[in-house]
C-alpha atoms as a PDB file:
ATOM      1  CA  MET A   1      27.457  26.576  -6.166  1.00  0.00           C
ATOM      2  CA  LEU A   2      24.514  27.036  -8.733  1.00  0.00           C
ATOM      3  CA  GLU A   3      26.296  24.783 -11.597  1.00  0.00           C
ATOM      4  CA  ARG A   4      26.731  21.939  -8.625  1.00  0.00           C
ATOM      5  CA  ASP A   5      23.194  22.024  -7.505  1.00  0.00           C
ATOM      6  CA  GLU A   6      21.373  21.816 -10.877  1.00  0.00           C
ATOM      7  CA  GLY A   7      21.772  18.586 -10.797  1.00  0.00           C
ATOM      8  CA  ARG A   8      20.414  17.325  -7.496  1.00  0.00           C
ATOM      9  CA  HIS A   9      17.242  15.954  -6.592  1.00  0.00           C
ATOM     10  CA  THR A  10      14.204  17.295  -4.169  1.00  0.00           C
ATOM     11  CA  PRO A  11      15.556  16.659  -0.920  1.00  0.00           C
ATOM     12  CA  TYR A  12      12.797  14.538   0.205  1.00  0.00           C
ATOM     13  CA  MET A  13      13.597  11.923  -2.487  1.00  0.00           C
ATOM     14  CA  VAL A  14      17.479  11.904  -1.258  1.00  0.00           C
ATOM     15  CA  GLN A  15      17.520  12.943   2.326  1.00  0.00           C
ATOM     16  CA  PRO A  16      14.051  11.377   4.566  1.00  0.00           C
ATOM     17  CA  GLU A  17      15.126  12.656   7.447  1.00  0.00           C
ATOM     18  CA  TYR A  18      15.155  15.816   5.866  1.00  0.00           C
ATOM     19  CA  ARG A  19      11.437  15.890   7.075  1.00  0.00           C
ATOM     20  CA  ILE A  20      13.198  15.910  10.785  1.00  0.00           C
ATOM     21  CA  TYR A  21      15.121  18.950  10.009  1.00  0.00           C
ATOM     22  CA  GLU A  22      11.507  20.724   9.002  1.00  0.00           C
ATOM     23  CA  MET A  23       9.698  19.050  12.174  1.00  0.00           C
ATOM     24  CA  ASN A  24      12.627  21.071  14.505  1.00  0.00           C
ATOM     25  CA  LYS A  25      12.076  23.979  12.944  1.00  0.00           C
ATOM     26  CA  ARG A  26       8.348  23.898  13.330  1.00  0.00           C
ATOM     27  CA  LEU A  27       8.175  22.921  16.628  1.00  0.00           C
ATOM     28  CA  GLN A  28      10.507  26.356  17.207  1.00  0.00           C
ATOM     29  CA  SER A  29       7.837  28.063  15.624  1.00  0.00           C
ATOM     30  CA  ARG A  30       5.541  27.511  18.102  1.00  0.00           C
ATOM     31  CA  THR A  31       4.510  30.033  20.555  1.00  0.00           C
ATOM     32  CA  GLU A  32       2.994  30.148  24.250  1.00  0.00           C
ATOM     33  CA  ASP A  33      -0.700  30.951  22.685  1.00  0.00           C
ATOM     34  CA  SER A  34      -0.333  27.913  20.055  1.00  0.00           C
ATOM     35  CA  ASP A  35      -3.654  26.030  20.596  1.00  0.00           C
ATOM     36  CA  ASN A  36      -5.041  22.434  19.495  1.00  0.00           C
ATOM     37  CA  LEU A  37      -5.886  23.934  16.015  1.00  0.00           C
ATOM     38  CA  TRP A  38      -2.262  24.679  15.623  1.00  0.00           C
ATOM     39  CA  TRP A  39      -0.911  20.887  17.286  1.00  0.00           C
ATOM     40  CA  ASP A  40      -3.267  19.059  15.018  1.00  0.00           C
ATOM     41  CA  ALA A  41      -2.194  21.005  11.930  1.00  0.00           C
ATOM     42  CA  PHE A  42       1.827  20.153  12.979  1.00  0.00           C
ATOM     43  CA  ALA A  43       0.382  16.613  13.517  1.00  0.00           C
ATOM     44  CA  THR A  44      -1.408  16.428   9.883  1.00  0.00           C
ATOM     45  CA  GLU A  45       1.638  17.904   8.004  1.00  0.00           C
ATOM     46  CA  PHE A  46       4.142  15.462   9.117  1.00  0.00           C
ATOM     47  CA  PHE A  47       2.199  12.317  10.531  1.00  0.00           C
ATOM     48  CA  GLU A  48      -0.025  10.120   8.209  1.00  0.00           C
ATOM     49  CA  ASP A  49      -3.807   9.734   8.912  1.00  0.00           C
ATOM     50  CA  ASP A  50      -3.029   6.023  10.575  1.00  0.00           C
ATOM     51  CA  ALA A  51       0.168   6.964  12.348  1.00  0.00           C
ATOM     52  CA  THR A  52       1.238   5.581  15.194  1.00  0.00           C
ATOM     53  CA  LEU A  53       4.048   6.895  17.702  1.00  0.00           C
ATOM     54  CA  THR A  54       5.649   4.356  20.349  1.00  0.00           C
ATOM     55  CA  LEU A  55       7.710   5.112  22.776  1.00  0.00           C
ATOM     56  CA  SER A  56       9.835   2.093  24.848  1.00  0.00           C
ATOM     57  CA  PHE A  57      11.993   2.360  28.059  1.00  0.00           C
ATOM     58  CA  CYS A  58      12.485   1.505  31.582  1.00  0.00           C
ATOM     59  CA  LEU A  59      11.960   3.132  34.728  1.00  0.00           C
ATOM     60  CA  GLU A  60      12.070   1.651  38.247  1.00  0.00           C
ATOM     61  CA  ASP A  61       9.469  -0.414  38.278  1.00  0.00           C
ATOM     62  CA  GLY A  62      10.338  -2.145  35.019  1.00  0.00           C
ATOM     63  CA  PRO A  63      10.332  -1.861  31.329  1.00  0.00           C
ATOM     64  CA  LYS A  64       7.504   0.529  29.721  1.00  0.00           C
ATOM     65  CA  ARG A  65       5.854   0.490  26.126  1.00  0.00           C
ATOM     66  CA  TYR A  66       3.348   3.108  25.034  1.00  0.00           C
ATOM     67  CA  THR A  67       1.955   3.195  21.423  1.00  0.00           C
ATOM     68  CA  ILE A  68      -0.761   5.846  20.824  1.00  0.00           C
ATOM     69  CA  GLY A  69      -2.738   6.319  17.134  1.00  0.00           C
ATOM     70  CA  ARG A  70      -2.639   9.568  15.032  1.00  0.00           C
ATOM     71  CA  THR A  71      -5.421  11.377  17.101  1.00  0.00           C
ATOM     72  CA  LEU A  72      -3.315  11.656  20.542  1.00  0.00           C
ATOM     73  CA  ILE A  73       0.084  12.438  18.855  1.00  0.00           C
ATOM     74  CA  PRO A  74      -0.480  16.013  18.640  1.00  0.00           C
ATOM     75  CA  ARG A  75      -1.180  15.800  22.777  1.00  0.00           C
ATOM     76  CA  TYR A  76       1.716  14.147  23.114  1.00  0.00           C
ATOM     77  CA  PHE A  77       3.680  16.920  21.589  1.00  0.00           C
ATOM     78  CA  SER A  78       1.672  19.774  23.287  1.00  0.00           C
ATOM     79  CA  THR A  79       2.377  17.712  26.876  1.00  0.00           C
ATOM     80  CA  VAL A  80       6.310  18.097  26.311  1.00  0.00           C
ATOM     81  CA  PHE A  81       5.948  21.768  26.813  1.00  0.00           C
ATOM     82  CA  GLU A  82       3.416  21.708  29.625  1.00  0.00           C
ATOM     83  CA  GLY A  83       5.842  19.984  31.644  1.00  0.00           C
ATOM     84  CA  GLY A  84       8.247  23.131  31.544  1.00  0.00           C
ATOM     85  CA  VAL A  85      10.128  22.704  28.269  1.00  0.00           C
ATOM     86  CA  THR A  86      11.099  25.982  26.101  1.00  0.00           C
ATOM     87  CA  ASP A  87      12.714  23.984  22.968  1.00  0.00           C
ATOM     88  CA  LEU A  88      12.600  20.366  21.555  1.00  0.00           C
ATOM     89  CA  TYR A  89      14.573  19.328  18.792  1.00  0.00           C
ATOM     90  CA  TYR A  90      15.437  15.703  17.713  1.00  0.00           C
ATOM     91  CA  ILE A  91      19.267  14.952  16.309  1.00  0.00           C
ATOM     92  CA  LEU A  92      19.629  12.064  14.016  1.00  0.00           C
ATOM     93  CA  LYS A  93      23.416  10.388  13.413  1.00  0.00           C
ATOM     94  CA  HIS A  94      24.589   7.746  11.140  1.00  0.00           C
ATOM     95  CA  SER A  95      21.521   6.769  10.151  1.00  0.00           C
ATOM     96  CA  LYS A  96      20.197   3.821   7.272  1.00  0.00           C
ATOM     97  CA  GLU A  97      18.016   4.456   5.311  1.00  0.00           C
ATOM     98  CA  SER A  98      15.871   1.682   2.806  1.00  0.00           C
ATOM     99  CA  TYR A  99      13.508   1.643   0.034  1.00  0.00           C
ATOM    100  CA  HIS A 100      10.326  -0.132  -0.252  1.00  0.00           C
ATOM    101  CA  ASN A 101       8.055  -0.102  -2.793  1.00  0.00           C
ATOM    102  CA  SER A 102       5.160   2.232  -0.997  1.00  0.00           C
ATOM    103  CA  SER A 103       7.572   3.667   1.809  1.00  0.00           C
ATOM    104  CA  ILE A 104      10.848   4.506   3.305  1.00  0.00           C
ATOM    105  CA  THR A 105      12.516   2.901   6.690  1.00  0.00           C
ATOM    106  CA  VAL A 106      14.844   5.356   8.577  1.00  0.00           C
ATOM    107  CA  ASP A 107      16.885   3.597  11.419  1.00  0.00           C
ATOM    108  CA  CYS A 108      18.939   5.736  13.461  1.00  0.00           C
ATOM    109  CA  ASP A 109      20.841   4.161  16.440  1.00  0.00           C
ATOM    110  CA  GLN A 110      22.047   7.790  17.742  1.00  0.00           C
ATOM    111  CA  CYS A 111      19.533   9.527  18.344  1.00  0.00           C
ATOM    112  CA  THR A 112      19.272  12.478  20.659  1.00  0.00           C
ATOM    113  CA  MET A 113      16.107  14.189  22.083  1.00  0.00           C
ATOM    114  CA  VAL A 114      17.264  17.618  23.276  1.00  0.00           C
ATOM    115  CA  THR A 115      14.627  19.190  25.567  1.00  0.00           C
ATOM    116  CA  GLN A 116      15.552  22.622  27.112  1.00  0.00           C
ATOM    117  CA  HIS A 117      13.605  23.270  30.648  1.00  0.00           C
ATOM    118  CA  GLY A 118      12.833  26.969  31.806  1.00  0.00           C
ATOM    119  CA  LYS A 119      11.313  25.500  35.045  1.00  0.00           C
ATOM    120  CA  PRO A 120      11.947  24.287  37.756  1.00  0.00           C
ATOM    121  CA  MET A 121      15.267  25.161  36.893  1.00  0.00           C
ATOM    122  CA  PHE A 122      17.684  26.206  33.598  1.00  0.00           C
ATOM    123  CA  THR A 123      18.577  22.563  32.420  1.00  0.00           C
ATOM    124  CA  LYS A 124      19.574  20.950  29.187  1.00  0.00           C
ATOM    125  CA  VAL A 125      17.956  17.231  28.935  1.00  0.00           C
ATOM    126  CA  CYS A 126      19.714  14.872  26.338  1.00  0.00           C
ATOM    127  CA  THR A 127      17.872  11.801  25.762  1.00  0.00           C
ATOM    128  CA  GLU A 128      19.779   9.237  23.347  1.00  0.00           C
ATOM    129  CA  GLY A 129      18.428   6.231  21.918  1.00  0.00           C
ATOM    130  CA  ARG A 130      17.155   4.650  18.808  1.00  0.00           C
ATOM    131  CA  LEU A 131      14.471   5.614  16.547  1.00  0.00           C
ATOM    132  CA  ILE A 132      12.626   3.794  13.986  1.00  0.00           C
ATOM    133  CA  LEU A 133      10.920   6.130  11.288  1.00  0.00           C
ATOM    134  CA  GLU A 134       9.042   4.701   8.518  1.00  0.00           C
ATOM    135  CA  PHE A 135       7.556   7.434   5.608  1.00  0.00           C
ATOM    136  CA  THR A 136       4.989   7.179   2.956  1.00  0.00           C
ATOM    137  CA  PHE A 137       6.827   7.295  -0.522  1.00  0.00           C
ATOM    138  CA  ASP A 138       5.230   9.855  -2.218  1.00  0.00           C
ATOM    139  CA  ASP A 139       5.175  13.240  -2.174  1.00  0.00           C
ATOM    140  CA  LEU A 140       4.018  14.445   1.194  1.00  0.00           C
ATOM    141  CA  MET A 141       6.409  11.832   2.903  1.00  0.00           C
ATOM    142  CA  ARG A 142       4.873  11.732   5.989  1.00  0.00           C
ATOM    143  CA  ILE A 143       5.625   9.450   8.801  1.00  0.00           C
ATOM    144  CA  LYS A 144       3.535   6.011   9.345  1.00  0.00           C
ATOM    145  CA  THR A 145       5.417   4.461  12.096  1.00  0.00           C
ATOM    146  CA  TRP A 146       7.381   6.533  15.021  1.00  0.00           C
ATOM    147  CA  HIS A 147       9.374   3.800  17.402  1.00  0.00           C
ATOM    148  CA  PHE A 148      11.683   5.920  19.476  1.00  0.00           C
ATOM    149  CA  THR A 149      13.797   3.425  22.621  1.00  0.00           C
ATOM    150  CA  ILE A 150      15.099   5.312  25.500  1.00  0.00           C
ATOM    151  CA  ARG A 151      18.198   4.137  26.553  1.00  0.00           C
ATOM    152  CA  GLN A 152      19.674   6.687  28.682  1.00  0.00           C
ATOM    153  CA  TYR A 153      19.703  10.561  29.411  1.00  0.00           C
ATOM    154  CA  ARG A 154      21.560  13.006  30.887  1.00  0.00           C
ATOM    155  CA  GLU A 155      20.547  16.138  32.618  1.00  0.00           C
ATOM    156  CA  LEU A 156      23.169  19.574  31.876  1.00  0.00           C
ATOM    157  CA  VAL A 157      23.493  22.266  34.448  1.00  0.00           C
ATOM    158  CA  PRO A 158      25.108  25.254  33.414  1.00  0.00           C
ATOM    159  CA  ARG A 159      27.932  25.812  35.743  1.00  0.00           C
ATOM    160  CA  SER A 160      27.085  29.488  36.142  1.00  0.00           C
ATOM    161  CA  ILE A 161      24.073  28.530  38.058  1.00  0.00           C
ATOM    162  CA  LEU A 162      26.069  26.332  40.319  1.00  0.00           C
ATOM    163  CA  ALA A 163      28.171  29.578  40.969  1.00  0.00           C
ATOM    164  CA  MET A 164      25.991  31.628  41.847  1.00  0.00           C
ATOM    165  CA  HIS A 165      24.552  29.017  44.528  1.00  0.00           C
ATOM    166  CA  ALA A 166      27.824  27.608  45.392  1.00  0.00           C
ATOM    167  CA  GLN A 167      27.084  29.182  49.416  1.00  0.00           C
ATOM    168  CA  ASP A 168      23.500  27.732  49.604  1.00  0.00           C
ATOM    169  CA  PRO A 169      23.363  23.948  50.448  1.00  0.00           C
ATOM    170  CA  GLN A 170      19.770  23.682  49.752  1.00  0.00           C
ATOM    171  CA  VAL A 171      19.872  25.023  46.399  1.00  0.00           C
ATOM    172  CA  LEU A 172      22.536  22.826  45.339  1.00  0.00           C
ATOM    173  CA  GLU A 173      21.150  19.925  47.082  1.00  0.00           C
ATOM    174  CA  GLN A 174      17.668  20.870  44.855  1.00  0.00           C
ATOM    175  CA  LEU A 175      20.149  21.351  41.580  1.00  0.00           C
ATOM    176  CA  SER A 176      21.541  17.507  42.454  1.00  0.00           C
ATOM    177  CA  LYS A 177      17.781  15.804  41.488  1.00  0.00           C
ATOM    178  CA  ASN A 178      16.276  15.067  38.519  1.00  0.00           C
ATOM    179  CA  ILE A 179      13.441  16.908  37.331  1.00  0.00           C
ATOM    180  CA  THR A 180      12.599  13.844  34.359  1.00  0.00           C
ATOM    181  CA  ARG A 181      12.905  10.670  34.265  1.00  0.00           C
ATOM    182  CA  MET A 182      14.381   9.002  31.742  1.00  0.00           C
ATOM    183  CA  GLY A 183      14.222  12.289  29.953  1.00  0.00           C
ATOM    184  CA  LEU A 184      10.418  12.591  29.736  1.00  0.00           C
ATOM    185  CA  THR A 185       8.514  14.831  32.208  1.00  0.00           C
ATOM    186  CA  ASN A 186       5.611  13.868  34.603  1.00  0.00           C
ATOM    187  CA  PHE A 187       3.356  15.715  32.417  1.00  0.00           C
ATOM    188  CA  THR A 188       4.166  13.325  29.164  1.00  0.00           C
ATOM    189  CA  LEU A 189       4.014  10.018  31.414  1.00  0.00           C
ATOM    190  CA  ASN A 190       1.013  10.509  33.145  1.00  0.00           C
ATOM    191  CA  TYR A 191      -0.614  11.848  29.380  1.00  0.00           C
ATOM    192  CA  LEU A 192       1.195   8.054  28.345  1.00  0.00           C
ATOM    193  CA  ARG A 193       0.056   6.492  31.389  1.00  0.00           C
ATOM    194  CA  LEU A 194      -3.775   7.763  30.477  1.00  0.00           C
ATOM    195  CA  CYS A 195      -3.564   6.812  26.666  1.00  0.00           C
ATOM    196  CA  VAL A 196      -3.519   3.319  28.218  1.00  0.00           C
ATOM    197  CA  ILE A 197      -7.212   3.993  28.589  1.00  0.00           C
ATOM    198  CA  LEU A 198      -7.905   6.472  25.942  1.00  0.00           C
ATOM    199  CA  GLU A 199      -6.519   4.266  22.962  1.00  0.00           C
ATOM    200  CA  PRO A 200      -9.293   1.661  23.272  1.00  0.00           C
ATOM    201  CA  MET A 201     -12.264   4.442  23.576  1.00  0.00           C
ATOM    202  CA  GLN A 202     -10.871   5.692  20.272  1.00  0.00           C
ATOM    203  CA  GLU A 203     -14.275   3.479  18.611  1.00  0.00           C
ATOM    204  CA  LEU A 204     -16.432   5.047  21.195  1.00  0.00           C
ATOM    205  CA  MET A 205     -15.335   8.552  20.346  1.00  0.00           C
ATOM    206  CA  SER A 206     -15.231   7.958  17.027  1.00  0.00           C
ATOM    207  CA  ARG A 207     -18.694   6.208  17.356  1.00  0.00           C
ATOM    208  CA  HIS A 208     -20.610   8.986  19.636  1.00  0.00           C
ATOM    209  CA  LYS A 209     -19.082  11.912  17.292  1.00  0.00           C
ATOM    210  CA  THR A 210     -20.827  10.258  13.741  1.00  0.00           C
ATOM    211  CA  TYR A 211     -23.738   9.208  15.405  1.00  0.00           C
ATOM    212  CA  ASN A 212     -24.616  11.105  18.170  1.00  0.00           C
ATOM    213  CA  LEU A 213     -25.385   8.270  20.816  1.00  0.00           C
ATOM    214  CA  SER A 214     -24.969   8.521  24.170  1.00  0.00           C
ATOM    215  CA  PRO A 215     -21.666   7.034  25.850  1.00  0.00           C
ATOM    216  CA  ARG A 216     -23.861   3.898  27.061  1.00  0.00           C
ATOM    217  CA  ASP A 217     -25.411   3.169  22.897  1.00  0.00           C
ATOM    218  CA  CYS A 218     -21.832   3.798  21.982  1.00  0.00           C
ATOM    219  CA  LEU A 219     -20.745   0.876  24.334  1.00  0.00           C
ATOM    220  CA  LYS A 220     -23.393  -1.398  22.948  1.00  0.00           C
ATOM    221  CA  THR A 221     -23.129  -1.038  19.471  1.00  0.00           C
ATOM    222  CA  CYS A 222     -19.448  -1.690  19.732  1.00  0.00           C
ATOM    223  CA  LEU A 223     -19.970  -4.982  21.835  1.00  0.00           C
ATOM    224  CA  PHE A 224     -22.863  -6.167  19.815  1.00  0.00           C
ATOM    225  CA  GLN A 225     -20.743  -5.773  16.769  1.00  0.00           C
ATOM    226  CA  LYS A 226     -17.863  -7.375  18.032  1.00  0.00           C
ATOM    227  CA  TRP A 227     -19.841 -10.219  19.061  1.00  0.00           C
ATOM    228  CA  GLN A 228     -21.262 -10.510  15.649  1.00  0.00           C
ATOM    229  CA  ARG A 229     -17.643 -10.910  14.337  1.00  0.00           C
ATOM    230  CA  MET A 230     -16.734 -13.425  16.857  1.00  0.00           C
ATOM    231  CA  VAL A 231     -19.798 -15.941  15.898  1.00  0.00           C
ATOM    232  CA  ALA A 232     -20.194 -15.138  12.406  1.00  0.00           C
ATOM    233  CA  PRO A 233     -19.808 -18.021  10.476  1.00  0.00           C
ATOM    234  CA  PRO A 234     -17.295 -18.530   7.709  1.00  0.00           C
ATOM    235  CA  GLU A 235     -18.705 -17.294   4.526  1.00  0.00           C
ATOM    236  CA  PRO A 236     -18.898 -20.379   2.067  1.00  0.00           C
ATOM    237  CA  THR A 237     -16.197 -20.680  -0.747  1.00  0.00           C
ATOM    238  CA  ARG A 238     -17.602 -20.637  -4.172  1.00  0.00           C
ATOM    239  CA  GLN A 239     -16.506 -22.743  -6.835  1.00  0.00           C
ATOM    240  CA  PRO A 240     -13.587 -21.568  -9.001  1.00  0.00           C
ATOM    241  CA  THR A 241     -14.439 -20.084 -12.111  1.00  0.00           C
ATOM    242  CA  THR A 242     -12.322 -22.748 -14.066  1.00  0.00           C
ATOM    243  CA  LYS A 243     -14.335 -25.817 -12.832  1.00  0.00           C
ATOM    244  CA  ARG A 244     -17.253 -24.249 -14.020  1.00  0.00           C
ATOM    245  CA  ARG A 245     -15.687 -23.748 -17.654  1.00  0.00           C
ATOM    246  CA  LYS A 246     -14.890 -27.629 -17.567  1.00  0.00           C
ATOM    247  CA  ARG A 247     -18.181 -28.623 -16.808  1.00  0.00           C
ATOM    248  CA  LYS A 248     -19.931 -26.192 -19.543  1.00  0.00           C
ATOM    249  CA  ASN A 249     -17.781 -27.499 -21.881  1.00  0.00           C
ATOM    250  CA  SER A 250     -18.180 -31.181 -21.134  1.00  0.00           C
ATOM    251  CA  THR A 251     -21.440 -30.308 -21.266  1.00  0.00           C
ATOM    252  CA  SER A 252     -21.970 -28.845 -24.346  1.00  0.00           C
ATOM    253  CA  SER A 253     -19.618 -31.080 -25.885  1.00  0.00           C
ATOM    254  CA  THR A 254     -22.245 -34.094 -24.754  1.00  0.00           C
ATOM    255  CA  SER A 255     -25.442 -32.527 -26.167  1.00  0.00           C
ATOM    256  CA  ASN A 256     -23.224 -31.845 -29.706  1.00  0.00           C
ATOM    257  CA  SER A 257     -22.054 -35.150 -29.591  1.00  0.00           C
ATOM    258  CA  SER A 258     -25.464 -36.468 -29.121  1.00  0.00           C
ATOM    259  CA  ALA A 259     -27.083 -34.642 -32.019  1.00  0.00           C
ATOM    260  CA  GLY A 260     -25.395 -36.590 -34.205  1.00  0.00           C
ATOM    261  CA  ASN A 261     -23.591 -33.791 -36.111  1.00  0.00           C
ATOM    262  CA  ASN A 262     -20.620 -34.635 -38.383  1.00  0.00           C
ATOM    263  CA  ALA A 263     -17.034 -33.735 -37.222  1.00  0.00           C
ATOM    264  CA  ASN A 264     -16.835 -30.277 -38.778  1.00  0.00           C
ATOM    265  CA  SER A 265     -20.163 -28.887 -36.938  1.00  0.00           C
ATOM    266  CA  THR A 266     -18.582 -30.233 -33.802  1.00  0.00           C
ATOM    267  CA  ASN A 267     -15.392 -28.292 -34.454  1.00  0.00           C
ATOM    268  CA  SER A 268     -17.146 -25.349 -34.969  1.00  0.00           C
ATOM    269  CA  LYS A 269     -19.861 -25.617 -31.973  1.00  0.00           C
ATOM    270  CA  LYS A 270     -16.699 -26.138 -29.568  1.00  0.00           C
ATOM    271  CA  LYS A 271     -15.081 -23.202 -30.710  1.00  0.00           C
ATOM    272  CA  SER A 272     -17.982 -21.149 -30.381  1.00  0.00           C
ATOM    273  CA  ALA A 273     -18.293 -21.945 -27.060  1.00  0.00           C
ATOM    274  CA  ALA A 274     -15.286 -21.554 -25.839  1.00  0.00           C
ATOM    275  CA  ALA A 275     -15.552 -18.132 -27.485  1.00  0.00           C
ATOM    276  CA  ASN A 276     -18.832 -17.452 -25.123  1.00  0.00           C
ATOM    277  CA  LEU A 277     -16.729 -18.749 -21.737  1.00  0.00           C
ATOM    278  CA  SER A 278     -17.160 -15.215 -20.457  1.00  0.00           C
ATOM    279  CA  LEU A 279     -20.794 -15.851 -19.980  1.00  0.00           C
ATOM    280  CA  SER A 280     -20.045 -18.316 -17.208  1.00  0.00           C
ATOM    281  CA  SER A 281     -18.432 -15.609 -15.381  1.00  0.00           C
ATOM    282  CA  GLN A 282     -21.517 -13.215 -16.127  1.00  0.00           C
ATOM    283  CA  VAL A 283     -23.616 -15.445 -14.970  1.00  0.00           C
ATOM    284  CA  PRO A 284     -23.522 -17.237 -12.143  1.00  0.00           C
ATOM    285  CA  GLU A 285     -26.538 -18.913 -12.105  1.00  0.00           C
ATOM    286  CA  LEU A 286     -25.343 -21.170 -14.910  1.00  0.00           C
ATOM    287  CA  GLY A 287     -23.772 -23.789 -11.965  1.00  0.00           C
ATOM    288  CA  ALA A 288     -26.644 -23.997 -10.397  1.00  0.00           C
ATOM    289  CA  LEU A 289     -28.623 -24.710 -13.889  1.00  0.00           C
ATOM    290  CA  GLN A 290     -25.944 -27.734 -14.822  1.00  0.00           C
ATOM    291  CA  SER A 291     -26.035 -29.226 -11.293  1.00  0.00           C
ATOM    292  CA  CYS A 292     -30.078 -29.271 -11.408  1.00  0.00           C
ATOM    293  CA  SER A 293     -30.113 -30.852 -15.082  1.00  0.00           C
ATOM    294  CA  LEU A 294     -29.198 -34.249 -12.841  1.00  0.00           C
ATOM    295  CA  ASN A 295     -31.499 -34.563 -10.414  1.00  0.00           C
ATOM    296  CA  PRO A 296     -35.329 -35.181 -10.473  1.00  0.00           C
ATOM    297  CA  GLY A 297     -38.008 -32.996 -10.258  1.00  0.00           C
ATOM    298  CA  ARG A 298     -40.948 -32.892  -7.688  1.00  0.00           C
ATOM    299  CA  ASP A 299     -43.194 -35.669  -9.576  1.00  0.00           C
ATOM    300  CA  GLY A 300     -40.017 -37.861  -9.989  1.00  0.00           C
ATOM    301  CA  ALA A 301     -39.650 -36.993 -13.867  1.00  0.00           C
ATOM    302  CA  LEU A 302     -36.099 -35.741 -14.517  1.00  0.00           C
ATOM    303  CA  CYS A 303     -35.085 -31.909 -14.839  1.00  0.00           C
ATOM    304  CA  HIS A 304     -34.419 -30.454 -18.464  1.00  0.00           C
ATOM    305  CA  SER A 305     -30.852 -30.953 -19.777  1.00  0.00           C
ATOM    306  CA  THR A 306     -29.453 -27.219 -20.280  1.00  0.00           C
ATOM    307  CA  ALA A 307     -26.847 -26.818 -22.867  1.00  0.00           C
ATOM    308  CA  VAL A 308     -25.469 -23.984 -24.784  1.00  0.00           C
ATOM    309  CA  THR A 309     -25.649 -23.062 -28.324  1.00  0.00           C
ATOM    310  CA  PRO A 310     -23.413 -21.624 -30.704  1.00  0.00           C
ATOM    311  CA  THR A 311     -24.802 -18.273 -30.906  1.00  0.00           C
ATOM    312  CA  GLY A 312     -24.322 -18.158 -26.260  1.00  0.00           C
ATOM    313  CA  GLN A 313     -28.088 -18.815 -25.351  1.00  0.00           C
ATOM    314  CA  PHE A 314     -29.420 -21.395 -23.304  1.00  0.00           C
ATOM    315  CA  LYS A 315     -31.104 -24.688 -24.978  1.00  0.00           C
ATOM    316  CA  GLU A 316     -33.131 -26.773 -22.868  1.00  0.00           C
ATOM    317  CA  LYS A 317     -34.202 -30.541 -23.851  1.00  0.00           C
ATOM    318  CA  HIS A 318     -36.437 -33.396 -22.294  1.00  0.00           C
END
């Protein structure tokens, strides 16, 4: 066994779904005393700072789709247990993996979310659907996007409980009723509806926490900044550096030819100007100086013409 395991890579790089196995173990280690700090640590271990969690399912009143951000993910998992769940884990079968430059995508069409309910009655709920995960391709390998599409669910009640209440019609009728909706408890569904309001308010709450502003001032500041972004004119596009270089070369070659130098000196000056092409990128005002040389001055006379000497300095001529 030792010889066979010597050539194996780390489980993170070979099997990304091993992180789901670790997440199941962490959820099993949860206790009744687990507070918000425990859930924040859980989310930090398995989810990126900009992670999103999406749930898609269909209820009696139509299809639903909820997407929550990183700050609301810890509370989502805690609401699952607040609804009477004592155990939660995910089973992935026949998942497909695709590797990209900075991420790994796991697509599992046969994913099952298993929840064990202790109240109002002992029931095992199997929620089946498609789970698509995107992991970051690094040492931590945390989840960046989580998308679970629920197709169907099954609620399983042990036969022993049915045998105990076989003579009680009221209990049997209660056992025949579903305790979840599409495998989700009412606590979780209510929280997802609340997230529709909470998610857009994340910017306001973050600003209030950072600058200690009142809620009204936070709202005014956010609206004013969004209004500024909407009415702000587009930034003027700068002239590409290649055009500046052409203008610079043409100016220097014109000044050199007018000086009446021989062909050898002209070639040497062209080489010197080409060697100092980085000057135009370092001095953005060069284009303004060259364009000014063609415009008349205040008294009607022409401005000084500007040229570049072989040493890379400016030389003015009347």
